[in-house]
Amino acid sequence: MLTLQRVTPTDISLLDGLVQLLIDVVDGGASVGFLDPLPPATARRYWEQVLASLGEGLAMWVAMVDERVVGTVQLAPCLKDNGRHRADLQKLQVLNAYRGQGVSSRLMDAAEDFARHNRRTLLVLDTLVGSDAEFVYRHRGWTKAGEIPCFAADSQGKLHPTAYYYKLLAAG
C-alpha cells in the first residue's frame, strides 16, 4: 500500500532509502543534477543538505511502500515579495520498479495541494526534453512554455535541451 509522508529536517531515518532512490533514478537515466555512476556518499551528502534546507523555502514528500522509499518530490515556494504566488516543483523521482503505478501522480497531488493551501497559484518546473517526465507533466495538465538548447547533461553527460512547464492552480 502506497503512503505519502511530508518530510521534516529530523527524518534522518529516510536517508538510506533516499540515497537508494537517487542512485536508482540516475542509473535509469533521469536528469536530476547528477552523473552516472552516482557514488552513495555523494547521494547522501545531497540528501543531508536537502533535509537541512526544509522549511519555509522548501517542502518535500516521500512515497513509501512497506516502509521503503519509492518516490519523492520537492516544492520550493518563491520567497520574493513579487513571487509569493508561485513555486518550483523539483526533483520528482520514482524508483524504476514503481514507475507507471501512479506514484508520481500522488506525489504531485501532495505538492499541488500544499501549494494551493499556501496560496500559490503558479507552479513551474523544468525537465529534459523527450524524457518520460515530459509525458507525466503533460498528462497532469502542465503547459509547455518553451525549450532551451544544450541546457543540462543527462546522467551520461550528454547535453540536452530542457523544457519549461507551468501549471496554473485555482486558489485554495
C-alpha atoms as a PDB file:
ATOM      1  CA  MET A   1       0.000   0.000   0.000  1.00  0.00           C
ATOM      2  CA  LEU A   2       1.360   3.396  -1.024  1.00  0.00           C
ATOM      3  CA  THR A   3       1.553   6.080   1.656  1.00  0.00           C
ATOM      4  CA  LEU A   4       2.797   9.656   1.458  1.00  0.00           C
ATOM      5  CA  GLN A   5       4.710  11.499   4.130  1.00  0.00           C
ATOM      6  CA  ARG A   6       5.745  15.123   4.320  1.00  0.00           C
ATOM      7  CA  VAL A   7       9.412  15.126   5.271  1.00  0.00           C
ATOM      8  CA  THR A   8      10.857  17.182   8.124  1.00  0.00           C
ATOM      9  CA  PRO A   9      14.512  18.023   8.824  1.00  0.00           C
ATOM     10  CA  THR A  10      14.574  15.373  11.564  1.00  0.00           C
ATOM     11  CA  ASP A  11      13.507  12.491   9.287  1.00  0.00           C
ATOM     12  CA  ILE A  12      17.049  11.141   9.013  1.00  0.00           C
ATOM     13  CA  SER A  13      15.714   7.568   9.070  1.00  0.00           C
ATOM     14  CA  LEU A  14      14.723   8.184   5.425  1.00  0.00           C
ATOM     15  CA  LEU A  15      18.307   8.838   4.318  1.00  0.00           C
ATOM     16  CA  ASP A  16      19.234   5.306   3.233  1.00  0.00           C
ATOM     17  CA  GLY A  17      16.051   4.968   1.186  1.00  0.00           C
ATOM     18  CA  LEU A  18      16.534   8.403  -0.395  1.00  0.00           C
ATOM     19  CA  VAL A  19      20.128   7.515  -1.306  1.00  0.00           C
ATOM     20  CA  GLN A  20      18.959   4.278  -2.961  1.00  0.00           C
ATOM     21  CA  LEU A  21      16.216   6.170  -4.803  1.00  0.00           C
ATOM     22  CA  LEU A  22      18.577   8.809  -6.192  1.00  0.00           C
ATOM     23  CA  ILE A  23      21.119   6.223  -7.325  1.00  0.00           C
ATOM     24  CA  ASP A  24      18.340   4.200  -8.994  1.00  0.00           C
ATOM     25  CA  VAL A  25      16.846   7.125 -10.920  1.00  0.00           C
ATOM     26  CA  VAL A  26      20.248   8.419 -12.057  1.00  0.00           C
ATOM     27  CA  ASP A  27      21.170   4.882 -13.157  1.00  0.00           C
ATOM     28  CA  GLY A  28      17.854   4.802 -15.052  1.00  0.00           C
ATOM     29  CA  GLY A  29      18.794   7.938 -16.988  1.00  0.00           C
ATOM     30  CA  ALA A  30      16.971  10.681 -15.066  1.00  0.00           C
ATOM     31  CA  SER A  31      18.466  14.139 -15.390  1.00  0.00           C
ATOM     32  CA  VAL A  32      18.236  15.306 -11.787  1.00  0.00           C
ATOM     33  CA  GLY A  33      21.604  17.003 -11.491  1.00  0.00           C
ATOM     34  CA  PHE A  34      23.941  14.014 -11.182  1.00  0.00           C
ATOM     35  CA  LEU A  35      26.021  11.833 -13.497  1.00  0.00           C
ATOM     36  CA  ASP A  36      26.051   8.029 -13.562  1.00  0.00           C
ATOM     37  CA  PRO A  37      27.508   6.223 -11.707  1.00  0.00           C
ATOM     38  CA  LEU A  38      26.476   8.208  -8.648  1.00  0.00           C
ATOM     39  CA  PRO A  39      28.606   7.409  -5.586  1.00  0.00           C
ATOM     40  CA  PRO A  40      26.494   6.694  -2.482  1.00  0.00           C
ATOM     41  CA  ALA A  41      28.475   9.272  -0.473  1.00  0.00           C
ATOM     42  CA  THR A  42      27.565  11.987  -2.999  1.00  0.00           C
ATOM     43  CA  ALA A  43      23.899  10.997  -2.873  1.00  0.00           C
ATOM     44  CA  ARG A  44      23.944  11.003   0.941  1.00  0.00           C
ATOM     45  CA  ARG A  45      25.537  14.484   1.082  1.00  0.00           C
ATOM     46  CA  TYR A  46      22.869  15.778  -1.298  1.00  0.00           C
ATOM     47  CA  TRP A  47      20.007  14.408   0.821  1.00  0.00           C
ATOM     48  CA  GLU A  48      21.577  15.646   4.057  1.00  0.00           C
ATOM     49  CA  GLN A  49      21.687  19.143   2.525  1.00  0.00           C
ATOM     50  CA  VAL A  50      18.060  18.856   1.380  1.00  0.00           C
ATOM     51  CA  LEU A  51      16.871  17.753   4.830  1.00  0.00           C
ATOM     52  CA  ALA A  52      18.747  20.661   6.416  1.00  0.00           C
ATOM     53  CA  SER A  53      17.077  23.065   3.942  1.00  0.00           C
ATOM     54  CA  LEU A  54      13.486  22.018   4.612  1.00  0.00           C
ATOM     55  CA  GLY A  55      11.324  24.826   5.926  1.00  0.00           C
ATOM     56  CA  GLU A  56       9.623  27.913   4.529  1.00  0.00           C
ATOM     57  CA  GLY A  57      11.615  27.785   1.284  1.00  0.00           C
ATOM     58  CA  LEU A  58      11.442  24.044   0.616  1.00  0.00           C
ATOM     59  CA  ALA A  59       8.894  21.289   1.237  1.00  0.00           C
ATOM     60  CA  MET A  60       9.362  17.620   0.398  1.00  0.00           C
ATOM     61  CA  TRP A  61       7.281  14.452   0.339  1.00  0.00           C
ATOM     62  CA  VAL A  62       8.198  10.795   0.078  1.00  0.00           C
ATOM     63  CA  ALA A  63       6.098   7.937  -1.210  1.00  0.00           C
ATOM     64  CA  MET A  64       6.508   4.714   0.763  1.00  0.00           C
ATOM     65  CA  VAL A  65       5.558   1.100   0.130  1.00  0.00           C
ATOM     66  CA  ASP A  66       6.106  -1.237   3.079  1.00  0.00           C
ATOM     67  CA  GLU A  67       8.379   1.361   4.735  1.00  0.00           C
ATOM     68  CA  ARG A  68      10.514   1.581   1.579  1.00  0.00           C
ATOM     69  CA  VAL A  69      11.068   4.952  -0.121  1.00  0.00           C
ATOM     70  CA  VAL A  70       9.773   4.560  -3.685  1.00  0.00           C
ATOM     71  CA  GLY A  71       9.466   8.203  -4.707  1.00  0.00           C
ATOM     72  CA  THR A  72       9.881  11.818  -3.728  1.00  0.00           C
ATOM     73  CA  VAL A  73       9.156  15.365  -4.856  1.00  0.00           C
ATOM     74  CA  GLN A  74      10.172  18.816  -3.666  1.00  0.00           C
ATOM     75  CA  LEU A  75       8.348  22.131  -3.846  1.00  0.00           C
ATOM     76  CA  ALA A  76      10.256  25.398  -3.458  1.00  0.00           C
ATOM     77  CA  PRO A  77       7.903  28.327  -2.842  1.00  0.00           C
ATOM     78  CA  CYS A  78       9.286  31.636  -4.094  1.00  0.00           C
ATOM     79  CA  LEU A  79      10.124  33.839  -1.115  1.00  0.00           C
ATOM     80  CA  LYS A  80      10.473  37.098  -3.046  1.00  0.00           C
ATOM     81  CA  ASP A  81       7.739  39.654  -2.387  1.00  0.00           C
ATOM     82  CA  ASN A  82       6.736  39.754  -6.042  1.00  0.00           C
ATOM     83  CA  GLY A  83       6.726  35.956  -6.380  1.00  0.00           C
ATOM     84  CA  ARG A  84       4.726  34.775  -3.395  1.00  0.00           C
ATOM     85  CA  HIS A  85       2.115  33.397  -5.793  1.00  0.00           C
ATOM     86  CA  ARG A  86       4.450  30.811  -7.339  1.00  0.00           C
ATOM     87  CA  ALA A  87       6.595  27.786  -6.517  1.00  0.00           C
ATOM     88  CA  ASP A  88       9.044  25.480  -8.303  1.00  0.00           C
ATOM     89  CA  LEU A  89       8.309  21.762  -8.490  1.00  0.00           C
ATOM     90  CA  GLN A  90      11.656  19.963  -8.246  1.00  0.00           C
ATOM     91  CA  LYS A  91      13.268  16.559  -8.236  1.00  0.00           C
ATOM     92  CA  LEU A  92      10.254  14.339  -8.891  1.00  0.00           C
ATOM     93  CA  GLN A  93      11.765  10.864  -8.607  1.00  0.00           C
ATOM     94  CA  VAL A  94      10.254   7.384  -8.638  1.00  0.00           C
ATOM     95  CA  LEU A  95      12.111   4.083  -8.352  1.00  0.00           C
ATOM     96  CA  ASN A  96      12.304   2.477 -11.775  1.00  0.00           C
ATOM     97  CA  ALA A  97      10.450  -0.608 -10.490  1.00  0.00           C
ATOM     98  CA  TYR A  98       7.497   1.576  -9.378  1.00  0.00           C
ATOM     99  CA  ARG A  99       7.035   3.723 -12.473  1.00  0.00           C
ATOM    100  CA  GLY A 100       3.657   3.598 -14.161  1.00  0.00           C
ATOM    101  CA  GLN A 101       1.859   2.830 -10.892  1.00  0.00           C
ATOM    102  CA  GLY A 102       0.615   6.325 -10.042  1.00  0.00           C
ATOM    103  CA  VAL A 103       3.398   7.212  -7.600  1.00  0.00           C
ATOM    104  CA  SER A 104       4.350  10.422  -9.411  1.00  0.00           C
ATOM    105  CA  SER A 105       0.695  11.481  -9.612  1.00  0.00           C
ATOM    106  CA  ARG A 106       0.222  11.012  -5.866  1.00  0.00           C
ATOM    107  CA  LEU A 107       3.383  12.981  -5.126  1.00  0.00           C
ATOM    108  CA  MET A 108       2.363  15.784  -7.472  1.00  0.00           C
ATOM    109  CA  ASP A 109      -1.109  15.866  -5.900  1.00  0.00           C
ATOM    110  CA  ALA A 110       0.501  16.409  -2.496  1.00  0.00           C
ATOM    111  CA  ALA A 111       2.726  19.209  -3.793  1.00  0.00           C
ATOM    112  CA  GLU A 112      -0.148  20.886  -5.645  1.00  0.00           C
ATOM    113  CA  ASP A 113      -2.468  20.647  -2.628  1.00  0.00           C
ATOM    114  CA  PHE A 114       0.242  22.188  -0.446  1.00  0.00           C
ATOM    115  CA  ALA A 115       0.761  24.964  -2.999  1.00  0.00           C
ATOM    116  CA  ARG A 116      -2.965  25.746  -3.117  1.00  0.00           C
ATOM    117  CA  HIS A 117      -3.220  25.740   0.667  1.00  0.00           C
ATOM    118  CA  ASN A 118      -0.358  28.247   0.757  1.00  0.00           C
ATOM    119  CA  ARG A 119      -1.939  30.487  -1.890  1.00  0.00           C
ATOM    120  CA  ARG A 120       0.482  29.519  -4.662  1.00  0.00           C
ATOM    121  CA  THR A 121      -1.380  29.770  -7.962  1.00  0.00           C
ATOM    122  CA  LEU A 122       1.508  29.190 -10.394  1.00  0.00           C
ATOM    123  CA  LEU A 123       3.836  26.203 -10.415  1.00  0.00           C
ATOM    124  CA  VAL A 124       6.858  25.937 -12.698  1.00  0.00           C
ATOM    125  CA  LEU A 125       9.379  23.207 -13.472  1.00  0.00           C
ATOM    126  CA  ASP A 126      11.987  22.198 -15.990  1.00  0.00           C
ATOM    127  CA  THR A 127      12.739  18.768 -17.385  1.00  0.00           C
ATOM    128  CA  LEU A 128      14.837  17.091 -20.039  1.00  0.00           C
ATOM    129  CA  VAL A 129      13.209  17.313 -23.468  1.00  0.00           C
ATOM    130  CA  GLY A 130      11.983  13.887 -24.584  1.00  0.00           C
ATOM    131  CA  SER A 131      12.114  12.365 -21.104  1.00  0.00           C
ATOM    132  CA  ASP A 132       9.412  10.171 -19.615  1.00  0.00           C
ATOM    133  CA  ALA A 133       8.810  13.017 -17.180  1.00  0.00           C
ATOM    134  CA  GLU A 134       7.565  15.220 -20.021  1.00  0.00           C
ATOM    135  CA  PHE A 135       4.737  12.754 -20.656  1.00  0.00           C
ATOM    136  CA  VAL A 136       3.855  12.726 -16.950  1.00  0.00           C
ATOM    137  CA  TYR A 137       3.710  16.512 -16.734  1.00  0.00           C
ATOM    138  CA  ARG A 138       1.588  16.887 -19.886  1.00  0.00           C
ATOM    139  CA  HIS A 139      -0.735  14.135 -18.658  1.00  0.00           C
ATOM    140  CA  ARG A 140      -1.109  16.046 -15.363  1.00  0.00           C
ATOM    141  CA  GLY A 141      -2.197  19.259 -17.113  1.00  0.00           C
ATOM    142  CA  TRP A 142       1.074  21.163 -17.258  1.00  0.00           C
ATOM    143  CA  THR A 143       1.686  23.520 -20.206  1.00  0.00           C
ATOM    144  CA  LYS A 144       4.984  23.648 -22.043  1.00  0.00           C
ATOM    145  CA  ALA A 145       6.331  27.211 -22.168  1.00  0.00           C
ATOM    146  CA  GLY A 146       9.419  26.552 -24.291  1.00  0.00           C
ATOM    147  CA  GLU A 147      12.805  24.915 -24.586  1.00  0.00           C
ATOM    148  CA  ILE A 148      16.426  25.929 -24.100  1.00  0.00           C
ATOM    149  CA  PRO A 149      19.035  24.000 -26.126  1.00  0.00           C
ATOM    150  CA  CYS A 150      22.090  22.387 -24.534  1.00  0.00           C
ATOM    151  CA  PHE A 151      20.819  23.237 -21.060  1.00  0.00           C
ATOM    152  CA  ALA A 152      21.690  20.190 -18.973  1.00  0.00           C
ATOM    153  CA  ALA A 153      23.583  16.949 -19.239  1.00  0.00           C
ATOM    154  CA  ASP A 154      21.789  13.641 -18.930  1.00  0.00           C
ATOM    155  CA  SER A 155      23.105  11.044 -16.491  1.00  0.00           C
ATOM    156  CA  GLN A 156      25.702  10.023 -19.092  1.00  0.00           C
ATOM    157  CA  GLY A 157      26.995  13.576 -19.543  1.00  0.00           C
ATOM    158  CA  LYS A 158      25.461  14.305 -22.968  1.00  0.00           C
ATOM    159  CA  LEU A 159      23.938  17.790 -23.315  1.00  0.00           C
ATOM    160  CA  HIS A 160      20.201  18.017 -23.988  1.00  0.00           C
ATOM    161  CA  PRO A 161      17.625  20.764 -24.240  1.00  0.00           C
ATOM    162  CA  THR A 162      15.386  21.398 -21.275  1.00  0.00           C
ATOM    163  CA  ALA A 163      11.684  22.148 -21.431  1.00  0.00           C
ATOM    164  CA  TYR A 164       9.992  24.604 -19.106  1.00  0.00           C
ATOM    165  CA  TYR A 165       6.456  23.859 -17.954  1.00  0.00           C
ATOM    166  CA  TYR A 166       3.915  25.703 -15.864  1.00  0.00           C
ATOM    167  CA  LYS A 167       0.597  24.950 -14.248  1.00  0.00           C
ATOM    168  CA  LEU A 168      -1.967  27.470 -13.068  1.00  0.00           C
ATOM    169  CA  LEU A 169      -3.772  26.411  -9.918  1.00  0.00           C
ATOM    170  CA  ALA A 170      -7.122  27.602  -8.662  1.00  0.00           C
ATOM    171  CA  ALA A 171      -6.729  29.465  -5.387  1.00  0.00           C
ATOM    172  CA  GLY A 172      -7.453  27.233  -2.424  1.00  0.00           C
END
